[in-house]
């Protein structure tokens, strides 16, 4: 059996205790580092989520604006359709008037011919 002097045992215990004490801060520092990394990761996730929410909000705004524009276009189309209908009615009336004028011109030509014959 080996006999180790008590001074040597105290020295070995001290070295073991010092090694354990040194590993404690390192472990604490690594936990702090992991926590810091996790906090950074979570912060990044929150930022990404915020961006997605804002992007969704912008998309909703764009969809709303598109819907409003569509309603405006629909109104413009309805007004254009109404205007075309009115113009069609006016065109029909103008055609009737043109026909009436042509008949009157022909009738006046006949009257002019009759007057010429009478004045001769």
Protein backbone atom coordinates (compact mmCIF):
# COMPACT_ATOMS: atom_id res chain seq x y z
CA UNK A 1 0.00 0.00 0.00
CA UNK A 2 1.18 3.48 -0.78
CA UNK A 3 1.30 6.00 1.88
CA UNK A 4 0.77 9.54 0.74
CA UNK A 5 1.74 12.29 3.10
CA UNK A 6 -1.21 14.44 4.25
CA UNK A 7 0.28 17.51 2.64
CA UNK A 8 0.16 15.80 -0.74
CA UNK A 9 -3.50 14.85 -0.24
CA UNK A 10 -4.36 18.41 0.62
CA UNK A 11 -2.60 19.56 -2.53
CA UNK A 12 -4.45 17.05 -4.69
CA UNK A 13 -7.81 18.01 -3.16
CA UNK A 14 -7.03 21.65 -3.71
CA UNK A 15 -6.18 21.02 -7.37
CA UNK A 16 -9.43 19.02 -7.83
CA UNK A 17 -11.45 21.75 -6.12
CA UNK A 18 -9.77 24.46 -8.18
CA UNK A 19 -10.44 22.50 -11.37
CA UNK A 20 -14.10 22.14 -10.37
CA UNK A 21 -14.30 25.84 -9.52
CA UNK A 22 -12.80 26.77 -12.88
CA UNK A 23 -15.25 24.53 -14.72
CA UNK A 24 -18.21 26.19 -12.96
CA UNK A 25 -17.66 29.63 -14.50
CA UNK A 26 -16.95 28.07 -17.86
CA UNK A 27 -20.19 26.15 -17.64
CA UNK A 28 -21.98 29.33 -16.51
CA UNK A 29 -20.39 31.26 -19.34
CA UNK A 30 -21.42 28.64 -21.86
CA UNK A 31 -24.99 28.74 -20.50
CA UNK A 32 -24.92 32.52 -20.77
CA UNK A 33 -23.63 32.16 -24.32
CA UNK A 34 -26.38 29.67 -25.19
CA UNK A 35 -28.99 31.93 -23.63
CA UNK A 36 -27.60 34.88 -25.52
CA UNK A 37 -27.74 32.89 -28.75
CA UNK A 38 -31.30 31.79 -28.01
CA UNK A 39 -32.35 35.37 -27.22
CA UNK A 40 -30.75 36.51 -30.47
CA UNK A 41 -32.50 33.73 -32.36
CA UNK A 42 -35.84 34.57 -30.77
CA UNK A 43 -35.31 38.25 -31.55
CA UNK A 44 -34.65 37.32 -35.15
CA UNK A 45 -37.82 35.21 -35.20
CA UNK A 46 -39.85 38.09 -33.73
CA UNK A 47 -38.44 40.45 -36.36
CA UNK A 48 -39.27 37.96 -39.13
CA UNK A 49 -42.78 37.50 -37.73
CA UNK A 50 -43.25 41.27 -37.55
CA UNK A 51 -42.14 41.59 -41.17
CA UNK A 52 -44.61 38.89 -42.21
CA UNK A 53 -47.43 40.59 -40.33
CA UNK A 54 -46.56 43.93 -41.94
CA UNK A 55 -46.31 42.25 -45.33
CA UNK A 56 -49.71 40.66 -44.75
CA UNK A 57 -51.06 44.05 -43.71
CA UNK A 58 -49.65 45.60 -46.89
CA UNK A 59 -51.18 42.78 -48.91
CA UNK A 60 -54.54 43.46 -47.29
CA UNK A 61 -54.18 47.16 -48.09
CA UNK A 62 -53.29 46.33 -51.70
CA UNK A 63 -56.25 43.97 -51.99
CA UNK A 64 -58.53 46.63 -50.55
CA UNK A 65 -57.19 49.21 -52.98
CA UNK A 66 -57.61 46.75 -55.86
CA UNK A 67 -61.22 46.14 -54.81
CA UNK A 68 -61.88 49.90 -54.65
CA UNK A 69 -60.29 50.36 -58.07
CA UNK A 70 -62.39 47.53 -59.43
CA UNK A 71 -65.58 49.18 -58.14
CA UNK A 72 -64.50 52.47 -59.72
CA UNK A 73 -63.80 50.67 -63.02
CA UNK A 74 -67.14 48.90 -62.82
CA UNK A 75 -68.88 52.25 -62.34
CA UNK A 76 -66.94 53.69 -65.27
CA UNK A 77 -67.95 50.71 -67.42
CA UNK A 78 -71.60 51.11 -66.43
CA UNK A 79 -71.47 54.83 -67.24
CA UNK A 80 -69.80 54.06 -70.57
CA UNK A 81 -72.45 51.47 -71.34
CA UNK A 82 -75.17 54.00 -70.52
CA UNK A 83 -73.46 56.61 -72.71
CA UNK A 84 -73.20 54.13 -75.58
CA UNK A 85 -76.89 53.31 -75.24
CA UNK A 86 -77.75 57.03 -75.35
CA UNK A 87 -75.44 57.57 -78.33
CA UNK A 88 -77.14 54.68 -80.12
CA UNK A 89 -80.54 56.33 -79.55
CA UNK A 90 -79.18 59.67 -80.78
CA UNK A 91 -77.69 57.96 -83.85
CA UNK A 92 -81.05 56.41 -84.63
CA UNK A 93 -82.77 59.81 -84.33
CA UNK A 94 -80.13 61.43 -86.51
CA UNK A 95 -80.66 58.74 -89.14
CA UNK A 96 -84.41 59.46 -89.10
CA UNK A 97 -83.69 63.18 -89.46
CA UNK A 98 -81.25 62.51 -92.30
CA UNK A 99 -83.87 60.44 -94.12
CA UNK A 100 -86.44 63.19 -93.60
CA UNK A 101 -84.01 65.82 -94.91
CA UNK A 102 -83.22 63.68 -97.97
CA UNK A 103 -86.93 63.30 -98.68
CA UNK A 104 -87.40 67.06 -98.32
CA UNK A 105 -84.45 67.73 -100.64
CA UNK A 106 -85.90 65.39 -103.24
CA UNK A 107 -89.30 66.99 -102.81
CA UNK A 108 -87.77 70.46 -103.14
CA UNK A 109 -85.98 69.38 -106.34
CA UNK A 110 -89.31 68.26 -107.72
CA UNK A 111 -90.85 71.60 -106.74
CA UNK A 112 -87.95 73.49 -108.34
CA UNK A 113 -88.42 71.50 -111.55
CA UNK A 114 -92.14 72.27 -111.53
CA UNK A 115 -91.44 75.98 -110.98
CA UNK A 116 -88.98 76.04 -113.83
CA UNK A 117 -91.54 74.50 -116.14
CA UNK A 118 -94.13 77.02 -115.03
CA UNK A 119 -91.82 79.99 -115.51
CA UNK A 120 -90.79 79.01 -118.98
